[in-house]
Amino acid sequence: MQQMTKRTRTLLFFSLVLLFSVVAPALILYSLGYRVDWQEGSIAQTGGLYIKTDPANAVISINGKQEKKTDFLFGELFVDNLLPGTYAVKIEKEGYKPWQKNLVVQAKQVTEAKNIMLFPAQTALKTLFDSVEEVWPSPDLNLLLLQQTSPQRERHLLLWNPRTNKETPVIQRLTFTQKIQSVQWDKNGKAFLVQFQKGGGQPLVFNEQGEPCKESFCLENILKIQPTDQEKFLSAAEESLRQIFPQIQERALSPDEKKIALTQGSELWLLYLQDDEGQPKRTKGERVFLSRFGEQIQNLSWVSNHYLLLGIGGDVRIVEIDDRDSLNTISLGSFPALPASPVGGPNLRIFWDNKEKVIYILGNGILSVSEKLLR
């Protein structure tokens, strides 16, 4: 075996030193998150995307390239080593409407989209009752009081329990011709007070079995009911809200009590009551214009801390509040409005059952319920 000459050994040594001096910094830069940006012709430090979806196991595509699925337990996915820039993110799951948004990734930062909800691609509705003029849900939605009208234009009241599907006529289908002015439940949903419009007779109190409740405590429990903390807050803030939003029509406090959703005609706004360190970051007192629709907004309520339920004409929609890029809006369908609102309220009634994760819709005399929208 021929031994290397001193000159060969020296050349090999310096070659290895040169190779090390080139590779080592490259490895160090790579470990620190630096990558070559071939479009810009430079070296840039990368960022990442953190995504969380409900339901889990959703497919994530970035700039048209399918990446991975969110994990099946927590619905999470972290995508790292992304060069600074704007990325088109699309989230899909079979049987659900896709979610998509352009998100900006910055160097050394993680862009989060962790409040994503996917809703069914087709929302199945089940008709519950027809000839319904109005419905008054109990505070816990364990009972619905329905006012129905017969072909002879006689009105009667019916209690329905959505948990057990049990129907209970109110004192054997109490009939009356005068319209109801208001219905007031006690806080536990065990009794309710019915007040008729002028000339319709004395107010009546019923228990949860639909029978007259003549005991004094029934009426006392209704009359002494105290506003909820949310109602107290909104009442106290009403004057201040009208100074900011002079044409305010509807308002709803979010479940986390960090923000108020408001409507002014066809405009949808948010007012933040506290700092929110999530993304997008918000500060106390910040006003956020979300969208302007073609018709007046009705039946404003929250589905979660990050999604709103509302009616636009006869259209029922769920709208996210993440205003980075465009809003993801889910239309659940269009429904004919009631011919005339019996008590001066909106002609389309919509309300969210947070326990069962379903939506009740009253339109054109038909009371319907959606399938379960969230797991």
Protein backbone atom coordinates (compact mmCIF):
# COMPACT_ATOMS: atom_id res chain seq x y z
CA MET A 1 0.00 0.00 0.00
CA GLN A 2 1.49 3.25 -1.11
CA GLN A 3 1.83 5.92 1.56
CA MET A 4 0.54 9.48 0.93
CA THR A 5 3.14 12.08 0.48
CA LYS A 6 3.41 14.99 2.85
CA ARG A 7 2.05 17.31 0.18
CA THR A 8 -0.98 15.05 -0.39
CA ARG A 9 -1.68 14.88 3.33
CA THR A 10 -1.43 18.66 3.58
CA LEU A 11 -3.84 19.17 0.68
CA LEU A 12 -6.31 16.65 2.17
CA PHE A 13 -6.12 18.34 5.57
CA PHE A 14 -6.84 21.81 4.20
CA SER A 15 -9.62 20.43 2.00
CA LEU A 16 -11.33 18.94 5.03
CA VAL A 17 -10.86 22.18 6.97
CA LEU A 18 -12.40 24.12 4.08
CA LEU A 19 -15.29 21.67 3.82
CA PHE A 20 -15.92 21.92 7.56
CA SER A 21 -15.77 25.72 7.46
CA VAL A 22 -18.49 25.68 4.77
CA VAL A 23 -20.72 22.90 6.10
CA ALA A 24 -20.63 23.75 9.80
CA PRO A 25 -22.08 27.29 9.45
CA ALA A 26 -24.67 25.94 7.02
CA LEU A 27 -25.71 23.30 9.56
CA ILE A 28 -25.82 25.87 12.31
CA LEU A 29 -27.94 28.23 10.18
CA TYR A 30 -30.24 25.33 9.24
CA SER A 31 -30.68 24.37 12.88
CA LEU A 32 -31.58 27.99 13.66
CA GLY A 33 -34.32 27.94 11.05
CA TYR A 34 -32.58 29.67 8.16
CA ARG A 35 -33.40 28.58 4.63
CA VAL A 36 -32.49 29.72 1.14
CA ASP A 37 -35.21 31.84 -0.45
CA TRP A 38 -34.59 31.06 -4.10
CA GLN A 39 -37.18 33.58 -5.31
CA GLU A 40 -35.54 36.44 -3.42
CA GLY A 41 -32.04 35.09 -3.84
CA SER A 42 -31.29 35.40 -0.13
CA ILE A 43 -31.11 33.48 3.14
CA ALA A 44 -34.08 34.07 5.45
CA GLN A 45 -35.14 32.77 8.83
CA THR A 46 -38.32 30.74 8.72
CA GLY A 47 -41.57 30.75 10.66
CA GLY A 48 -44.41 28.29 11.13
CA LEU A 49 -48.14 27.66 11.12
CA TYR A 50 -50.08 26.18 14.05
CA ILE A 51 -53.57 24.98 13.12
CA LYS A 52 -56.28 23.45 15.29
CA THR A 53 -59.59 22.23 13.90
CA ASP A 54 -62.90 20.94 15.18
CA PRO A 55 -63.57 18.25 14.08
CA ALA A 56 -60.09 16.69 14.14
CA ASN A 57 -58.38 14.67 11.40
CA ALA A 58 -58.87 17.40 8.77
CA VAL A 59 -56.65 17.68 5.69
CA ILE A 60 -54.44 20.77 5.51
CA SER A 61 -53.28 22.15 2.14
CA ILE A 62 -50.83 25.04 1.81
CA ASN A 63 -50.52 26.86 -1.51
CA GLY A 64 -52.37 23.99 -3.17
CA LYS A 65 -50.05 21.31 -1.78
CA GLN A 66 -51.53 18.83 0.64
CA GLU A 67 -49.49 18.68 3.82
CA LYS A 68 -50.84 16.47 6.59
CA LYS A 69 -53.96 15.94 8.67
CA THR A 70 -54.62 17.46 12.05
CA ASP A 71 -54.15 14.77 14.70
CA PHE A 72 -57.22 12.67 15.50
CA LEU A 73 -57.13 13.42 19.24
CA PHE A 74 -56.74 17.20 19.52
CA GLY A 75 -57.11 18.36 15.92
CA GLU A 76 -53.68 20.02 15.91
CA LEU A 77 -50.96 20.41 13.30
CA PHE A 78 -47.71 22.40 13.30
CA VAL A 79 -46.05 23.17 9.97
CA ASP A 80 -42.52 24.54 10.35
CA ASN A 81 -39.72 25.78 8.09
CA LEU A 82 -41.93 28.17 6.15
CA LEU A 83 -40.23 31.14 4.51
CA PRO A 84 -41.74 34.55 5.33
CA GLY A 85 -44.69 35.30 3.09
CA THR A 86 -48.41 34.81 2.54
CA TYR A 87 -49.75 31.27 2.35
CA ALA A 88 -53.11 30.09 1.03
CA VAL A 89 -54.34 27.66 3.68
CA LYS A 90 -57.23 25.33 2.94
CA ILE A 91 -58.75 22.88 5.41
CA GLU A 92 -61.00 20.06 4.22
CA LYS A 93 -62.78 17.08 5.67
CA GLU A 94 -65.22 14.78 3.92
CA GLY A 95 -68.81 15.78 4.63
CA TYR A 96 -67.88 19.31 5.75
CA LYS A 97 -67.60 22.69 4.08
CA PRO A 98 -63.97 23.74 3.57
CA TRP A 99 -62.28 26.56 5.45
CA GLN A 100 -59.76 28.74 3.64
CA LYS A 101 -57.79 31.88 4.33
CA ASN A 102 -54.57 33.62 3.30
CA LEU A 103 -52.29 33.75 6.35
CA VAL A 104 -49.07 35.72 6.71
CA VAL A 105 -46.01 33.93 8.13
CA GLN A 106 -43.21 36.05 9.57
CA ALA A 107 -39.62 35.13 10.41
CA LYS A 108 -39.10 33.54 13.84
CA GLN A 109 -42.85 33.61 14.55
CA VAL A 110 -45.67 31.10 14.57
CA THR A 111 -48.93 32.15 12.92
CA GLU A 112 -51.89 30.57 14.70
CA ALA A 113 -55.32 29.58 13.43
CA LYS A 114 -56.54 27.53 16.35
CA ASN A 115 -60.27 28.29 16.52
CA ILE A 116 -61.35 26.71 13.26
CA MET A 117 -64.74 25.01 13.18
CA LEU A 118 -65.91 22.99 10.21
CA PHE A 119 -69.65 22.73 9.57
CA PRO A 120 -71.57 20.08 7.60
CA ALA A 121 -71.58 20.54 3.83
CA GLN A 122 -75.32 19.85 3.77
CA THR A 123 -77.40 20.81 6.77
CA ALA A 124 -80.32 18.46 7.23
CA LEU A 125 -83.43 20.04 8.76
CA LYS A 126 -86.26 18.23 10.46
CA THR A 127 -89.73 19.78 10.57
CA LEU A 128 -91.06 19.71 14.12
CA PHE A 129 -94.36 21.62 13.98
CA ASP A 130 -96.39 23.62 11.48
CA SER A 131 -98.91 26.45 11.90
CA VAL A 132 -96.57 28.02 14.47
CA GLU A 133 -96.87 31.78 14.99
CA GLU A 134 -94.30 32.16 17.72
CA VAL A 135 -92.03 30.15 20.02
CA TRP A 136 -90.64 31.01 23.45
CA PRO A 137 -87.79 28.80 24.68
CA SER A 138 -87.15 28.31 28.40
CA PRO A 139 -83.78 29.66 29.64
CA ASP A 140 -82.19 26.20 29.50
CA LEU A 141 -84.01 25.23 26.27
CA ASN A 142 -85.42 22.14 27.99
CA LEU A 143 -88.89 23.34 27.03
CA LEU A 144 -90.30 25.26 24.07
CA LEU A 145 -93.64 27.03 24.34
CA LEU A 146 -95.34 27.16 20.93
CA GLN A 147 -98.27 29.29 19.82
CA GLN A 148 -100.10 27.49 17.02
CA THR A 149 -103.04 28.60 14.91
CA SER A 150 -105.83 26.33 13.67
CA PRO A 151 -107.54 26.69 10.26
CA GLN A 152 -110.39 28.40 12.17
CA ARG A 153 -107.84 31.02 13.37
CA GLU A 154 -108.02 29.80 16.93
CA ARG A 155 -104.77 30.00 18.81
CA HIS A 156 -103.54 27.50 21.37
CA LEU A 157 -100.38 26.84 23.34
CA LEU A 158 -98.28 23.70 23.36
CA LEU A 159 -95.23 22.76 25.45
CA TRP A 160 -92.60 20.60 23.79
CA ASN A 161 -89.56 19.01 25.44
CA PRO A 162 -86.77 18.65 22.83
CA ARG A 163 -84.82 16.30 25.11
CA THR A 164 -87.63 13.75 25.39
CA ASN A 165 -89.78 14.75 22.37
CA LYS A 166 -92.78 14.98 24.70
CA GLU A 167 -95.70 17.26 23.76
CA THR A 168 -97.87 18.74 26.50
CA PRO A 169 -101.00 20.77 25.69
CA VAL A 170 -101.37 23.83 27.90
CA ILE A 171 -104.54 23.14 29.98
CA GLN A 172 -105.88 20.84 27.29
CA ARG A 173 -105.18 23.19 24.41
CA LEU A 174 -106.27 26.51 25.81
CA THR A 175 -107.80 28.40 22.89
CA PHE A 176 -107.91 32.15 22.45
CA THR A 177 -108.24 34.66 19.67
CA GLN A 178 -106.14 37.52 21.01
CA LYS A 179 -102.42 37.57 20.28
CA ILE A 180 -99.89 37.07 23.06
CA GLN A 181 -97.93 40.15 23.99
CA SER A 182 -95.15 38.43 25.94
CA VAL A 183 -94.09 35.24 27.70
CA GLN A 184 -91.79 35.32 30.70
CA TRP A 185 -90.15 32.20 32.15
CA ASP A 186 -88.75 31.80 35.63
CA LYS A 187 -84.99 31.25 35.72
CA ASN A 188 -85.31 27.47 36.15
CA GLY A 189 -87.80 26.96 33.31
CA LYS A 190 -90.39 25.53 35.71
CA ALA A 191 -93.15 28.11 35.21
CA PHE A 192 -94.09 30.85 32.76
CA LEU A 193 -96.29 33.92 32.64
CA VAL A 194 -98.44 34.64 29.56
CA GLN A 195 -99.59 38.21 28.96
CA PHE A 196 -102.09 38.95 26.20
CA GLN A 197 -102.40 42.07 24.11
CA LYS A 198 -104.96 44.66 25.21
CA GLY A 199 -108.42 43.16 25.54
CA GLY A 200 -107.13 39.59 25.63
CA GLY A 201 -107.81 38.90 29.30
CA GLN A 202 -105.82 38.61 32.51
CA PRO A 203 -102.25 37.27 32.55
CA LEU A 204 -101.99 33.53 33.19
CA VAL A 205 -99.31 31.50 34.97
CA PHE A 206 -98.56 27.88 34.08
CA ASN A 207 -96.18 25.24 35.37
CA GLU A 208 -93.95 22.98 33.29
CA GLN A 209 -96.80 20.45 32.95
CA GLY A 210 -98.92 23.07 31.17
CA GLU A 211 -101.37 23.33 34.05
CA PRO A 212 -102.42 26.59 35.75
CA CYS A 213 -100.08 27.39 38.61
CA LYS A 214 -102.22 29.09 41.23
CA GLU A 215 -99.66 28.97 44.03
CA SER A 216 -98.30 32.41 44.81
CA PHE A 217 -94.69 31.27 44.59
CA CYS A 218 -95.06 30.57 40.85
CA LEU A 219 -95.78 34.19 40.02
CA GLU A 220 -93.32 35.42 42.64
CA ASN A 221 -90.49 33.34 41.13
CA ILE A 222 -91.20 34.89 37.74
CA LEU A 223 -91.61 38.47 38.87
CA LYS A 224 -88.59 38.48 41.16
CA ILE A 225 -86.31 36.94 38.57
CA GLN A 226 -83.09 38.89 38.38
CA PRO A 227 -81.33 39.73 35.13
CA THR A 228 -78.37 37.53 34.29
CA ASP A 229 -74.88 38.95 34.65
CA GLN A 230 -74.74 39.33 30.87
CA GLU A 231 -78.06 41.18 30.80
CA LYS A 232 -76.92 43.47 33.62
CA PHE A 233 -73.69 44.21 31.82
CA LEU A 234 -75.37 44.99 28.51
CA SER A 235 -77.95 47.15 30.21
CA ALA A 236 -75.27 49.14 32.06
CA ALA A 237 -73.23 49.52 28.89
CA GLU A 238 -76.16 50.56 26.68
CA GLU A 239 -75.54 54.31 26.90
CA SER A 240 -71.83 53.95 26.20
CA LEU A 241 -72.52 51.59 23.32
CA ARG A 242 -74.92 54.05 21.70
CA GLN A 243 -72.29 56.78 21.88
CA ILE A 244 -69.98 54.57 19.82
CA PHE A 245 -72.67 52.92 17.68
CA PRO A 246 -75.56 55.41 17.45
CA GLN A 247 -77.72 53.16 15.27
CA ILE A 248 -77.17 49.95 17.23
CA GLN A 249 -80.01 47.45 16.82
CA GLU A 250 -78.88 44.12 18.25
CA ARG A 251 -76.08 43.23 20.61
CA ALA A 252 -74.78 39.97 22.07
CA LEU A 253 -72.07 39.39 24.68
CA SER A 254 -69.68 36.53 23.84
CA PRO A 255 -69.57 33.49 26.15
CA ASP A 256 -66.07 34.48 27.36
CA GLU A 257 -67.38 38.03 28.00
CA LYS A 258 -64.40 39.55 26.19
CA LYS A 259 -66.34 41.15 23.35
CA ILE A 260 -69.75 42.31 22.18
CA ALA A 261 -71.13 41.63 18.71
CA LEU A 262 -73.33 44.47 17.42
CA THR A 263 -75.44 45.23 14.39
CA GLN A 264 -76.21 48.55 12.73
CA GLY A 265 -78.67 47.81 9.97
CA SER A 266 -76.75 45.56 7.60
CA GLU A 267 -73.36 46.08 9.31
CA LEU A 268 -71.75 43.62 11.73
CA TRP A 269 -69.26 44.90 14.32
CA LEU A 270 -67.24 43.73 17.32
CA LEU A 271 -66.29 45.80 20.36
CA TYR A 272 -63.56 44.34 22.57
CA LEU A 273 -64.02 44.75 26.32
CA GLN A 274 -60.66 43.19 27.24
CA ASP A 275 -57.28 42.63 25.66
CA ASP A 276 -57.13 39.41 23.68
CA GLU A 277 -53.64 37.97 23.22
CA GLY A 278 -54.75 35.41 20.64
CA GLN A 279 -54.39 35.87 16.90
CA PRO A 280 -55.41 38.27 15.57
CA LYS A 281 -54.41 40.24 18.67
CA ARG A 282 -56.96 42.73 20.02
CA THR A 283 -56.85 45.53 22.57
CA LYS A 284 -59.48 46.74 25.01
CA GLY A 285 -61.85 49.21 23.36
CA GLU A 286 -60.93 48.13 19.82
CA ARG A 287 -63.75 48.26 17.28
CA VAL A 288 -63.68 45.72 14.46
CA PHE A 289 -65.85 46.02 11.38
CA LEU A 290 -66.57 42.48 10.21
CA SER A 291 -68.90 42.78 7.23
CA ARG A 292 -71.75 44.56 5.51
CA PHE A 293 -74.60 42.46 4.13
CA GLY A 294 -77.27 43.22 1.57
CA GLU A 295 -80.12 43.20 4.12
CA GLN A 296 -80.70 43.96 7.78
CA ILE A 297 -79.20 41.52 10.28
CA GLN A 298 -81.55 39.72 12.69
CA ASN A 299 -81.35 37.12 15.46
CA LEU A 300 -77.72 37.82 16.38
CA SER A 301 -76.20 35.28 18.80
CA TRP A 302 -72.97 33.41 19.49
CA VAL A 303 -72.31 29.79 18.52
CA SER A 304 -68.92 29.89 20.27
CA ASN A 305 -66.39 32.54 21.27
CA HIS A 306 -65.29 32.74 17.63
CA TYR A 307 -68.42 32.19 15.53
CA LEU A 308 -71.69 34.12 15.23
CA LEU A 309 -75.16 32.99 14.20
CA LEU A 310 -77.40 35.46 12.38
CA GLY A 311 -80.20 35.88 9.88
CA ILE A 312 -79.93 37.91 6.67
CA GLY A 313 -83.41 38.26 5.23
CA GLY A 314 -84.50 34.64 5.01
CA ASP A 315 -80.93 33.31 4.97
CA VAL A 316 -79.42 31.67 8.08
CA ARG A 317 -75.65 32.03 8.37
CA ILE A 318 -72.74 31.22 10.66
CA VAL A 319 -69.89 33.75 10.45
CA GLU A 320 -66.40 33.53 11.90
CA ILE A 321 -64.88 36.62 13.55
CA ASP A 322 -61.26 36.09 12.37
CA ASP A 323 -60.97 39.00 9.94
CA ARG A 324 -57.53 38.12 8.62
CA ASP A 325 -58.21 37.98 4.90
CA SER A 326 -61.88 37.29 4.13
CA LEU A 327 -64.42 35.89 6.61
CA ASN A 328 -65.47 32.27 6.30
CA THR A 329 -69.28 32.34 6.13
CA ILE A 330 -71.47 29.26 6.15
CA SER A 331 -74.99 29.50 4.74
CA LEU A 332 -77.37 26.98 6.27
CA GLY A 333 -80.09 27.73 3.74
CA SER A 334 -82.89 30.18 3.00
CA PHE A 335 -86.26 30.04 4.72
CA PRO A 336 -89.48 31.94 4.01
CA ALA A 337 -90.19 34.51 6.69
CA LEU A 338 -93.38 34.60 8.71
CA PRO A 339 -96.20 36.47 6.94
CA ALA A 340 -96.28 38.93 9.81
CA SER A 341 -94.45 39.06 13.10
CA PRO A 342 -97.04 38.42 15.83
CA VAL A 343 -95.31 40.40 18.56
CA GLY A 344 -93.30 42.96 16.64
CA GLY A 345 -90.12 40.89 16.53
CA PRO A 346 -88.15 39.63 13.53
CA ASN A 347 -90.09 37.65 10.93
CA LEU A 348 -87.52 34.83 11.00
CA ARG A 349 -86.74 33.34 14.40
CA ILE A 350 -83.41 31.58 14.95
CA PHE A 351 -81.88 30.38 18.18
CA TRP A 352 -78.91 28.20 19.10
CA ASP A 353 -79.12 25.27 21.52
CA ASN A 354 -75.62 25.17 22.97
CA LYS A 355 -76.25 21.90 24.80
CA GLU A 356 -77.41 19.91 21.79
CA LYS A 357 -75.40 21.98 19.23
CA VAL A 358 -78.43 22.46 16.98
CA ILE A 359 -80.27 25.46 15.53
CA TYR A 360 -84.03 25.98 15.76
CA ILE A 361 -85.56 27.93 12.89
CA LEU A 362 -89.09 29.35 12.72
CA GLY A 363 -90.09 30.63 9.31
CA ASN A 364 -93.41 30.79 7.46
CA GLY A 365 -95.14 28.97 10.31
CA ILE A 366 -92.76 25.99 10.23
CA LEU A 367 -90.57 25.21 13.25
CA SER A 368 -87.54 23.16 12.21
CA VAL A 369 -84.40 21.91 13.89
CA SER A 370 -81.01 21.28 12.29
CA GLU A 371 -78.89 18.20 12.67
CA LYS A 372 -76.11 18.35 15.25
CA LEU A 373 -73.68 20.90 13.83
CA LEU A 374 -70.76 20.40 16.21
CA ARG A 375 -69.48 17.32 17.96
